[in-house]
Amino acid sequence: MCMSGKDSLLSNAWYQQVISDFDMTLSRFAHNGKRCPTTHNILDNDLLINDTCKKMIRELLNTYYPIEIDATRTVEEKLPHMVEWWTSVHELLIQQKIRRDLLAQAVKQSSAMLREGYKVFFDRLQEQQVPLLIFSAGLGDILEEVIRQNHVFHPNVHVISNYMDFDQSGVLRAFKGQLIHTFNKREGALLHAAHFRELKERPNVLLLGDSLGDLTMADGVAHTQHALTIGFLNDQVEERKESYVNSYDIVLVKDETMDVPNAILNYITTAPAK
């Protein structure tokens, strides 16, 4: 594997931090030829939303997902559409008065899966005390439940995402903070600069994502010395391959495993300090 100019990134685990997207990056895009759900899709459950809401959310997906992955459009062109999409979905979810006490059951009943090798990935970072920031445009409450049910929600994991705001009876009434969507993660990173300041002694970043918008997740790191970026190209491969290869250091095409990140972490954590 060629990682030109990246050797110093891999010199010592103590100076590392890992920043990763969640949906279709840490979680699988597909399994046995069938799409796996995102954190938003996990709510497509009779426990939580009715059939009318399901239909409307799917219609929004069919309208906006092709725009999100359209290689012919610029990020600037996509931005207003992403805001419309996320805002519309969240408004629909609020109308459903989703109950917090049913989220764990919905996750358990879903077909959501983390990528093969996820346990090695999470456990090694914890063992080596390497911070893992999961930066997701999905639903933080669902994301946390997925990793909790997979027994890898370790103390070194920090999550920035869209979180639900429940009333005193545990019913969804709003969403907290600023909306995070696929293409505004830079703004989210800058808003959470305090988190990155706590890690100022860790200037080297391993970044994992599945969209070009994920490349901005490390923009809150004030003094990045070295960054190695890994992009999972899951869909519309031929149309998007060139832009991914030009943007990420490593591009993994339709790879549902954590084999490459785990190999890199193994090298980092076993290599002698320089």
C-alpha atoms as a PDB file:
ATOM      1  CA  MET A   1       0.000   0.000   0.000  1.00  0.00           C
ATOM      2  CA  CYS A   2       1.377   3.394  -0.984  1.00  0.00           C
ATOM      3  CA  MET A   3       0.855   6.234   1.484  1.00  0.00           C
ATOM      4  CA  SER A   4       3.378   8.740   0.164  1.00  0.00           C
ATOM      5  CA  GLY A   5       4.493  11.257   2.764  1.00  0.00           C
ATOM      6  CA  LYS A   6       2.428   9.666   5.513  1.00  0.00           C
ATOM      7  CA  ASP A   7       5.110   7.701   7.346  1.00  0.00           C
ATOM      8  CA  SER A   8       5.409  10.208  10.180  1.00  0.00           C
ATOM      9  CA  LEU A   9       1.677   9.903  10.815  1.00  0.00           C
ATOM     10  CA  LEU A  10       2.217   6.269  11.658  1.00  0.00           C
ATOM     11  CA  SER A  11       5.088   6.764  14.072  1.00  0.00           C
ATOM     12  CA  ASN A  12       3.430   6.709  17.482  1.00  0.00           C
ATOM     13  CA  ALA A  13      -0.090   5.955  18.680  1.00  0.00           C
ATOM     14  CA  TRP A  14       0.154   8.558  21.445  1.00  0.00           C
ATOM     15  CA  TYR A  15       0.061  11.393  18.912  1.00  0.00           C
ATOM     16  CA  GLN A  16      -2.962  10.029  17.053  1.00  0.00           C
ATOM     17  CA  GLN A  17      -6.666  10.648  17.069  1.00  0.00           C
ATOM     18  CA  VAL A  18      -9.233   8.978  14.836  1.00  0.00           C
ATOM     19  CA  ILE A  19     -12.163  10.873  13.335  1.00  0.00           C
ATOM     20  CA  SER A  20     -14.832   8.851  11.556  1.00  0.00           C
ATOM     21  CA  ASP A  21     -18.218   9.185   9.947  1.00  0.00           C
ATOM     22  CA  PHE A  22     -20.750   6.561  11.033  1.00  0.00           C
ATOM     23  CA  ASP A  23     -23.451   5.704   8.478  1.00  0.00           C
ATOM     24  CA  MET A  24     -21.945   3.616   5.665  1.00  0.00           C
ATOM     25  CA  THR A  25     -18.454   4.175   7.095  1.00  0.00           C
ATOM     26  CA  LEU A  26     -18.377   2.350  10.429  1.00  0.00           C
ATOM     27  CA  SER A  27     -21.710   0.754   9.589  1.00  0.00           C
ATOM     28  CA  ARG A  28     -22.226  -1.425   6.532  1.00  0.00           C
ATOM     29  CA  PHE A  29     -23.633  -0.097   3.293  1.00  0.00           C
ATOM     30  CA  ALA A  30     -24.931  -3.539   2.315  1.00  0.00           C
ATOM     31  CA  HIS A  31     -24.901  -7.187   3.384  1.00  0.00           C
ATOM     32  CA  ASN A  32     -25.525 -10.129   1.057  1.00  0.00           C
ATOM     33  CA  GLY A  33     -26.614  -7.736  -1.662  1.00  0.00           C
ATOM     34  CA  LYS A  34     -29.199  -5.933   0.485  1.00  0.00           C
ATOM     35  CA  ARG A  35     -28.870  -2.339   1.675  1.00  0.00           C
ATOM     36  CA  CYS A  36     -28.360  -1.887   5.394  1.00  0.00           C
ATOM     37  CA  PRO A  37     -30.209   0.922   7.175  1.00  0.00           C
ATOM     38  CA  THR A  38     -28.712   4.222   8.218  1.00  0.00           C
ATOM     39  CA  THR A  39     -29.462   5.592  11.669  1.00  0.00           C
ATOM     40  CA  HIS A  40     -32.396   7.536  10.199  1.00  0.00           C
ATOM     41  CA  ASN A  41     -33.665   4.421   8.387  1.00  0.00           C
ATOM     42  CA  ILE A  42     -33.697   2.427  11.643  1.00  0.00           C
ATOM     43  CA  LEU A  43     -36.674   4.549  12.696  1.00  0.00           C
ATOM     44  CA  ASP A  44     -38.657   3.006   9.818  1.00  0.00           C
ATOM     45  CA  ASN A  45     -40.338   0.746  12.344  1.00  0.00           C
ATOM     46  CA  ASP A  46     -44.009   0.334  13.284  1.00  0.00           C
ATOM     47  CA  LEU A  47     -42.993   0.879  16.906  1.00  0.00           C
ATOM     48  CA  LEU A  48     -42.032   4.449  16.133  1.00  0.00           C
ATOM     49  CA  ILE A  49     -43.673   5.852  12.996  1.00  0.00           C
ATOM     50  CA  ASN A  50     -46.838   5.185  11.006  1.00  0.00           C
ATOM     51  CA  ASP A  51     -47.130   4.086   7.377  1.00  0.00           C
ATOM     52  CA  THR A  52     -47.853   7.581   6.085  1.00  0.00           C
ATOM     53  CA  CYS A  53     -44.678   8.910   7.679  1.00  0.00           C
ATOM     54  CA  LYS A  54     -42.668   5.981   6.294  1.00  0.00           C
ATOM     55  CA  LYS A  55     -43.935   6.717   2.793  1.00  0.00           C
ATOM     56  CA  MET A  56     -43.096  10.411   3.047  1.00  0.00           C
ATOM     57  CA  ILE A  57     -39.577   9.714   4.340  1.00  0.00           C
ATOM     58  CA  ARG A  58     -38.949   7.260   1.492  1.00  0.00           C
ATOM     59  CA  GLU A  59     -40.167   9.821  -1.026  1.00  0.00           C
ATOM     60  CA  LEU A  60     -37.712  12.324   0.423  1.00  0.00           C
ATOM     61  CA  LEU A  61     -34.935   9.736   0.164  1.00  0.00           C
ATOM     62  CA  ASN A  62     -35.771   9.034  -3.472  1.00  0.00           C
ATOM     63  CA  THR A  63     -35.752  12.759  -4.196  1.00  0.00           C
ATOM     64  CA  TYR A  64     -32.645  13.886  -2.356  1.00  0.00           C
ATOM     65  CA  TYR A  65     -30.243  10.915  -2.201  1.00  0.00           C
ATOM     66  CA  PRO A  66     -29.552  11.093  -5.969  1.00  0.00           C
ATOM     67  CA  ILE A  67     -28.675  14.764  -5.465  1.00  0.00           C
ATOM     68  CA  GLU A  68     -26.340  13.932  -2.556  1.00  0.00           C
ATOM     69  CA  ILE A  69     -24.283  11.498  -4.646  1.00  0.00           C
ATOM     70  CA  ASP A  70     -24.539  13.340  -7.990  1.00  0.00           C
ATOM     71  CA  ALA A  71     -20.956  13.716  -9.210  1.00  0.00           C
ATOM     72  CA  THR A  72     -21.948  16.477 -11.649  1.00  0.00           C
ATOM     73  CA  ARG A  73     -23.127  18.893  -8.935  1.00  0.00           C
ATOM     74  CA  THR A  74     -20.921  21.017  -6.720  1.00  0.00           C
ATOM     75  CA  VAL A  75     -21.188  20.975  -2.932  1.00  0.00           C
ATOM     76  CA  GLU A  76     -22.573  24.515  -3.102  1.00  0.00           C
ATOM     77  CA  GLU A  77     -25.364  23.313  -5.387  1.00  0.00           C
ATOM     78  CA  LYS A  78     -26.169  20.411  -3.076  1.00  0.00           C
ATOM     79  CA  LEU A  79     -26.222  22.366   0.203  1.00  0.00           C
ATOM     80  CA  PRO A  80     -29.762  23.802   0.109  1.00  0.00           C
ATOM     81  CA  HIS A  81     -31.159  20.423  -0.935  1.00  0.00           C
ATOM     82  CA  MET A  82     -29.466  18.685   1.999  1.00  0.00           C
ATOM     83  CA  VAL A  83     -30.875  21.241   4.441  1.00  0.00           C
ATOM     84  CA  GLU A  84     -34.354  20.716   2.963  1.00  0.00           C
ATOM     85  CA  TRP A  85     -33.991  16.935   3.224  1.00  0.00           C
ATOM     86  CA  TRP A  86     -32.759  16.741   6.810  1.00  0.00           C
ATOM     87  CA  THR A  87     -35.156  19.432   8.022  1.00  0.00           C
ATOM     88  CA  SER A  88     -38.156  17.756   6.393  1.00  0.00           C
ATOM     89  CA  VAL A  89     -37.295  14.351   7.858  1.00  0.00           C
ATOM     90  CA  HIS A  90     -36.772  15.759  11.340  1.00  0.00           C
ATOM     91  CA  GLU A  91     -40.089  17.619  11.207  1.00  0.00           C
ATOM     92  CA  LEU A  92     -41.856  14.393  10.234  1.00  0.00           C
ATOM     93  CA  LEU A  93     -40.195  12.515  13.096  1.00  0.00           C
ATOM     94  CA  ILE A  94     -41.232  15.170  15.616  1.00  0.00           C
ATOM     95  CA  GLN A  95     -44.838  14.866  14.435  1.00  0.00           C
ATOM     96  CA  GLN A  96     -44.717  11.132  15.231  1.00  0.00           C
ATOM     97  CA  LYS A  97     -44.037  11.797  18.935  1.00  0.00           C
ATOM     98  CA  ILE A  98     -41.384   9.089  19.042  1.00  0.00           C
ATOM     99  CA  ARG A  99     -40.833   7.508  22.453  1.00  0.00           C
ATOM    100  CA  ARG A 100     -37.307   7.319  23.806  1.00  0.00           C
ATOM    101  CA  ASP A 101     -37.958   4.022  25.601  1.00  0.00           C
ATOM    102  CA  LEU A 102     -38.601   2.271  22.255  1.00  0.00           C
ATOM    103  CA  LEU A 103     -35.358   3.255  20.510  1.00  0.00           C
ATOM    104  CA  ALA A 104     -33.301   0.329  21.813  1.00  0.00           C
ATOM    105  CA  GLN A 105     -35.935  -2.151  20.658  1.00  0.00           C
ATOM    106  CA  ALA A 106     -36.062  -0.548  17.196  1.00  0.00           C
ATOM    107  CA  VAL A 107     -32.281  -0.866  16.876  1.00  0.00           C
ATOM    108  CA  LYS A 108     -32.405  -4.487  17.992  1.00  0.00           C
ATOM    109  CA  GLN A 109     -35.095  -5.304  15.423  1.00  0.00           C
ATOM    110  CA  SER A 110     -33.247  -3.562  12.579  1.00  0.00           C
ATOM    111  CA  SER A 111     -30.776  -5.058  10.113  1.00  0.00           C
ATOM    112  CA  ALA A 112     -28.126  -2.453  10.939  1.00  0.00           C
ATOM    113  CA  MET A 113     -24.624  -3.910  11.029  1.00  0.00           C
ATOM    114  CA  LEU A 114     -21.176  -2.557  11.720  1.00  0.00           C
ATOM    115  CA  ARG A 115     -18.460  -3.445   9.231  1.00  0.00           C
ATOM    116  CA  GLU A 116     -16.675  -6.761   9.573  1.00  0.00           C
ATOM    117  CA  GLY A 117     -13.714  -6.279  11.902  1.00  0.00           C
ATOM    118  CA  TYR A 118     -15.407  -3.483  13.868  1.00  0.00           C
ATOM    119  CA  LYS A 119     -14.635  -5.050  17.249  1.00  0.00           C
ATOM    120  CA  VAL A 120     -10.903  -5.160  16.541  1.00  0.00           C
ATOM    121  CA  PHE A 121     -11.074  -1.513  15.441  1.00  0.00           C
ATOM    122  CA  PHE A 122     -12.948  -0.200  18.489  1.00  0.00           C
ATOM    123  CA  ASP A 123     -11.126  -2.411  20.989  1.00  0.00           C
ATOM    124  CA  ARG A 124      -7.645  -1.556  19.705  1.00  0.00           C
ATOM    125  CA  LEU A 125      -8.317   2.168  19.921  1.00  0.00           C
ATOM    126  CA  GLN A 126      -9.549   1.734  23.487  1.00  0.00           C
ATOM    127  CA  GLU A 127      -6.605  -0.461  24.488  1.00  0.00           C
ATOM    128  CA  GLN A 128      -4.135   2.077  23.086  1.00  0.00           C
ATOM    129  CA  GLN A 129      -6.074   5.041  24.545  1.00  0.00           C
ATOM    130  CA  VAL A 130      -6.514   6.616  21.118  1.00  0.00           C
ATOM    131  CA  PRO A 131      -9.535   8.972  21.038  1.00  0.00           C
ATOM    132  CA  LEU A 132     -12.250   8.119  18.511  1.00  0.00           C
ATOM    133  CA  LEU A 133     -14.529  10.953  17.431  1.00  0.00           C
ATOM    134  CA  ILE A 134     -17.597   9.738  15.549  1.00  0.00           C
ATOM    135  CA  PHE A 135     -18.893  12.688  13.526  1.00  0.00           C
ATOM    136  CA  SER A 136     -22.272  11.811  12.061  1.00  0.00           C
ATOM    137  CA  ALA A 137     -25.037  13.545  10.120  1.00  0.00           C
ATOM    138  CA  GLY A 138     -27.290  10.733  11.317  1.00  0.00           C
ATOM    139  CA  LEU A 139     -29.095  10.397  14.636  1.00  0.00           C
ATOM    140  CA  GLY A 140     -26.841  10.392  17.676  1.00  0.00           C
ATOM    141  CA  ASP A 141     -29.315   8.592  19.940  1.00  0.00           C
ATOM    142  CA  ILE A 142     -29.599   5.720  17.445  1.00  0.00           C
ATOM    143  CA  LEU A 143     -25.878   5.689  16.667  1.00  0.00           C
ATOM    144  CA  GLU A 144     -25.013   5.330  20.338  1.00  0.00           C
ATOM    145  CA  GLU A 145     -27.507   2.508  20.735  1.00  0.00           C
ATOM    146  CA  VAL A 146     -26.036   0.628  17.754  1.00  0.00           C
ATOM    147  CA  ILE A 147     -22.510   0.703  19.147  1.00  0.00           C
ATOM    148  CA  ARG A 148     -23.798   0.006  22.658  1.00  0.00           C
ATOM    149  CA  GLN A 149     -25.622  -3.125  21.484  1.00  0.00           C
ATOM    150  CA  ASN A 150     -22.435  -4.217  19.719  1.00  0.00           C
ATOM    151  CA  HIS A 151     -20.541  -3.792  23.020  1.00  0.00           C
ATOM    152  CA  VAL A 152     -17.987  -1.297  21.698  1.00  0.00           C
ATOM    153  CA  PHE A 153     -19.136   1.992  23.249  1.00  0.00           C
ATOM    154  CA  HIS A 154     -15.841   2.496  25.064  1.00  0.00           C
ATOM    155  CA  PRO A 155     -14.823   5.535  27.182  1.00  0.00           C
ATOM    156  CA  ASN A 156     -12.552   6.852  24.396  1.00  0.00           C
ATOM    157  CA  VAL A 157     -15.537   7.320  22.038  1.00  0.00           C
ATOM    158  CA  HIS A 158     -16.987  10.812  21.603  1.00  0.00           C
ATOM    159  CA  VAL A 159     -19.963  11.503  19.321  1.00  0.00           C
ATOM    160  CA  ILE A 160     -20.998  14.658  17.461  1.00  0.00           C
ATOM    161  CA  SER A 161     -24.354  14.160  15.762  1.00  0.00           C
ATOM    162  CA  ASN A 162     -28.013  15.172  15.587  1.00  0.00           C
ATOM    163  CA  TYR A 163     -29.551  14.409  18.975  1.00  0.00           C
ATOM    164  CA  MET A 164     -33.221  14.162  19.831  1.00  0.00           C
ATOM    165  CA  ASP A 165     -34.713  16.388  22.511  1.00  0.00           C
ATOM    166  CA  PHE A 166     -37.314  14.533  24.579  1.00  0.00           C
ATOM    167  CA  ASP A 167     -39.839  16.045  26.961  1.00  0.00           C
ATOM    168  CA  GLN A 168     -40.221  14.941  30.587  1.00  0.00           C
ATOM    169  CA  SER A 169     -42.404  12.012  29.557  1.00  0.00           C
ATOM    170  CA  GLY A 170     -39.806  10.773  27.066  1.00  0.00           C
ATOM    171  CA  VAL A 171     -41.543  11.920  23.872  1.00  0.00           C
ATOM    172  CA  LEU A 172     -39.611  13.558  21.019  1.00  0.00           C
ATOM    173  CA  ARG A 173     -40.340  17.282  20.871  1.00  0.00           C
ATOM    174  CA  ALA A 174     -37.396  18.730  18.890  1.00  0.00           C
ATOM    175  CA  PHE A 175     -33.791  18.219  17.842  1.00  0.00           C
ATOM    176  CA  LYS A 176     -30.914  19.732  19.778  1.00  0.00           C
ATOM    177  CA  GLY A 177     -28.439  22.284  18.469  1.00  0.00           C
ATOM    178  CA  GLN A 178     -27.430  23.032  14.910  1.00  0.00           C
ATOM    179  CA  LEU A 179     -28.455  20.641  12.159  1.00  0.00           C
ATOM    180  CA  ILE A 180     -25.607  18.454  10.900  1.00  0.00           C
ATOM    181  CA  HIS A 181     -25.930  17.153   7.344  1.00  0.00           C
ATOM    182  CA  THR A 182     -23.508  15.543   4.896  1.00  0.00           C
ATOM    183  CA  PHE A 183     -21.925  18.753   3.652  1.00  0.00           C
ATOM    184  CA  ASN A 184     -21.698  21.068   6.673  1.00  0.00           C
ATOM    185  CA  LYS A 185     -19.386  19.035   8.881  1.00  0.00           C
ATOM    186  CA  ARG A 186     -16.713  21.732   8.697  1.00  0.00           C
ATOM    187  CA  GLU A 187     -19.048  24.140  10.490  1.00  0.00           C
ATOM    188  CA  GLY A 188     -19.862  21.423  13.013  1.00  0.00           C
ATOM    189  CA  ALA A 189     -16.177  20.779  13.605  1.00  0.00           C
ATOM    190  CA  LEU A 190     -15.500  24.451  14.248  1.00  0.00           C
ATOM    191  CA  LEU A 191     -18.456  24.652  16.650  1.00  0.00           C
ATOM    192  CA  HIS A 192     -16.893  21.820  18.655  1.00  0.00           C
ATOM    193  CA  ALA A 193     -13.407  23.334  18.716  1.00  0.00           C
ATOM    194  CA  ALA A 194     -13.256  22.846  22.505  1.00  0.00           C
ATOM    195  CA  HIS A 195     -13.242  19.077  21.984  1.00  0.00           C
ATOM    196  CA  PHE A 196     -10.297  19.345  19.626  1.00  0.00           C
ATOM    197  CA  ARG A 197      -8.399  21.687  21.944  1.00  0.00           C
ATOM    198  CA  GLU A 198      -8.482  18.963  24.585  1.00  0.00           C
ATOM    199  CA  LEU A 199      -6.589  16.797  22.091  1.00  0.00           C
ATOM    200  CA  LYS A 200      -4.015  19.410  21.080  1.00  0.00           C
ATOM    201  CA  GLU A 201      -1.186  17.009  21.934  1.00  0.00           C
ATOM    202  CA  ARG A 202      -2.541  14.620  19.291  1.00  0.00           C
ATOM    203  CA  PRO A 203      -1.835  16.448  16.016  1.00  0.00           C
ATOM    204  CA  ASN A 204      -1.986  13.400  13.732  1.00  0.00           C
ATOM    205  CA  VAL A 205      -5.360  12.323  12.375  1.00  0.00           C
ATOM    206  CA  LEU A 206      -6.664   9.139  10.805  1.00  0.00           C
ATOM    207  CA  LEU A 207      -9.926  10.104   9.090  1.00  0.00           C
ATOM    208  CA  LEU A 208     -12.577   7.711   7.743  1.00  0.00           C
ATOM    209  CA  GLY A 209     -15.548   8.742   5.625  1.00  0.00           C
ATOM    210  CA  ASP A 210     -17.820   7.774   2.770  1.00  0.00           C
ATOM    211  CA  SER A 211     -18.548  11.167   1.205  1.00  0.00           C
ATOM    212  CA  LEU A 212     -16.434  14.105   0.093  1.00  0.00           C
ATOM    213  CA  GLY A 213     -18.139  16.154   2.806  1.00  0.00           C
ATOM    214  CA  ASP A 214     -16.502  13.937   5.433  1.00  0.00           C
ATOM    215  CA  LEU A 215     -13.079  15.297   4.500  1.00  0.00           C
ATOM    216  CA  THR A 216     -13.852  18.466   6.490  1.00  0.00           C
ATOM    217  CA  MET A 217     -14.453  16.613   9.776  1.00  0.00           C
ATOM    218  CA  ALA A 218     -10.919  17.355  10.994  1.00  0.00           C
ATOM    219  CA  ASP A 219     -11.104  21.095  10.311  1.00  0.00           C
ATOM    220  CA  GLY A 220     -11.531  21.746  14.031  1.00  0.00           C
ATOM    221  CA  VAL A 221      -8.075  20.281  14.727  1.00  0.00           C
ATOM    222  CA  ALA A 222      -6.067  23.478  15.171  1.00  0.00           C
ATOM    223  CA  HIS A 223      -2.556  22.230  14.495  1.00  0.00           C
ATOM    224  CA  THR A 224      -2.808  19.132  12.355  1.00  0.00           C
ATOM    225  CA  GLN A 225       0.653  17.839  11.502  1.00  0.00           C
ATOM    226  CA  HIS A 226      -0.327  14.839   9.408  1.00  0.00           C
ATOM    227  CA  ALA A 227      -3.607  13.347   8.259  1.00  0.00           C
ATOM    228  CA  LEU A 228      -4.310  10.071   6.504  1.00  0.00           C
ATOM    229  CA  THR A 229      -7.757   9.856   4.916  1.00  0.00           C
ATOM    230  CA  ILE A 230      -9.623   6.681   3.984  1.00  0.00           C
ATOM    231  CA  GLY A 231     -12.732   6.888   1.825  1.00  0.00           C
ATOM    232  CA  PHE A 232     -15.311   4.130   1.480  1.00  0.00           C
ATOM    233  CA  LEU A 233     -16.824   4.354  -2.017  1.00  0.00           C
ATOM    234  CA  ASN A 234     -20.045   2.389  -1.657  1.00  0.00           C
ATOM    235  CA  ASP A 235     -22.348   3.522  -4.442  1.00  0.00           C
ATOM    236  CA  GLN A 236     -22.225   5.040  -7.961  1.00  0.00           C
ATOM    237  CA  VAL A 237     -18.633   3.828  -8.148  1.00  0.00           C
ATOM    238  CA  GLU A 238     -17.712   4.643 -11.741  1.00  0.00           C
ATOM    239  CA  GLU A 239     -19.325   8.073 -11.605  1.00  0.00           C
ATOM    240  CA  ARG A 240     -17.545   9.056  -8.382  1.00  0.00           C
ATOM    241  CA  LYS A 241     -14.279   7.132  -8.470  1.00  0.00           C
ATOM    242  CA  GLU A 242     -12.186   9.943  -9.944  1.00  0.00           C
ATOM    243  CA  SER A 243     -13.300  12.533  -7.399  1.00  0.00           C
ATOM    244  CA  TYR A 244     -12.667  10.120  -4.511  1.00  0.00           C
ATOM    245  CA  VAL A 245      -9.220   9.130  -5.752  1.00  0.00           C
ATOM    246  CA  ASN A 246      -8.357  12.818  -6.137  1.00  0.00           C
ATOM    247  CA  SER A 247      -9.583  13.627  -2.620  1.00  0.00           C
ATOM    248  CA  TYR A 248      -8.821  10.671  -0.304  1.00  0.00           C
ATOM    249  CA  ASP A 249      -5.395   9.127   0.315  1.00  0.00           C
ATOM    250  CA  ILE A 250      -6.900   5.633   0.220  1.00  0.00           C
ATOM    251  CA  VAL A 251     -10.160   4.669  -1.507  1.00  0.00           C
ATOM    252  CA  LEU A 252     -11.892   1.377  -0.682  1.00  0.00           C
ATOM    253  CA  VAL A 253     -14.422   0.306  -3.305  1.00  0.00           C
ATOM    254  CA  LYS A 254     -17.427  -1.711  -2.118  1.00  0.00           C
ATOM    255  CA  ASP A 255     -15.402  -2.960   0.852  1.00  0.00           C
ATOM    256  CA  GLU A 256     -17.670  -3.910   3.768  1.00  0.00           C
ATOM    257  CA  THR A 257     -14.777  -4.602   6.153  1.00  0.00           C
ATOM    258  CA  MET A 258     -12.479  -2.669   8.459  1.00  0.00           C
ATOM    259  CA  ASP A 259      -9.474  -4.622   7.188  1.00  0.00           C
ATOM    260  CA  VAL A 260      -7.508  -1.621   5.894  1.00  0.00           C
ATOM    261  CA  PRO A 261      -8.108   0.676   8.893  1.00  0.00           C
ATOM    262  CA  ASN A 262      -7.271  -2.238  11.200  1.00  0.00           C
ATOM    263  CA  ALA A 263      -4.035  -2.934   9.331  1.00  0.00           C
ATOM    264  CA  ILE A 264      -3.046   0.720   9.678  1.00  0.00           C
ATOM    265  CA  LEU A 265      -3.924   0.771  13.377  1.00  0.00           C
ATOM    266  CA  ASN A 266      -1.934  -2.406  13.884  1.00  0.00           C
ATOM    267  CA  TYR A 267       1.076  -0.740  12.280  1.00  0.00           C
ATOM    268  CA  ILE A 268       0.651   2.425  14.339  1.00  0.00           C
ATOM    269  CA  THR A 269       0.285   0.620  17.646  1.00  0.00           C
ATOM    270  CA  THR A 270       3.104  -1.859  17.125  1.00  0.00           C
ATOM    271  CA  ALA A 271       5.666   0.384  15.423  1.00  0.00           C
ATOM    272  CA  PRO A 272       8.441   1.726  17.681  1.00  0.00           C
ATOM    273  CA  ALA A 273       8.130   5.413  18.548  1.00  0.00           C
ATOM    274  CA  LYS A 274      10.274   7.757  16.464  1.00  0.00           C
END
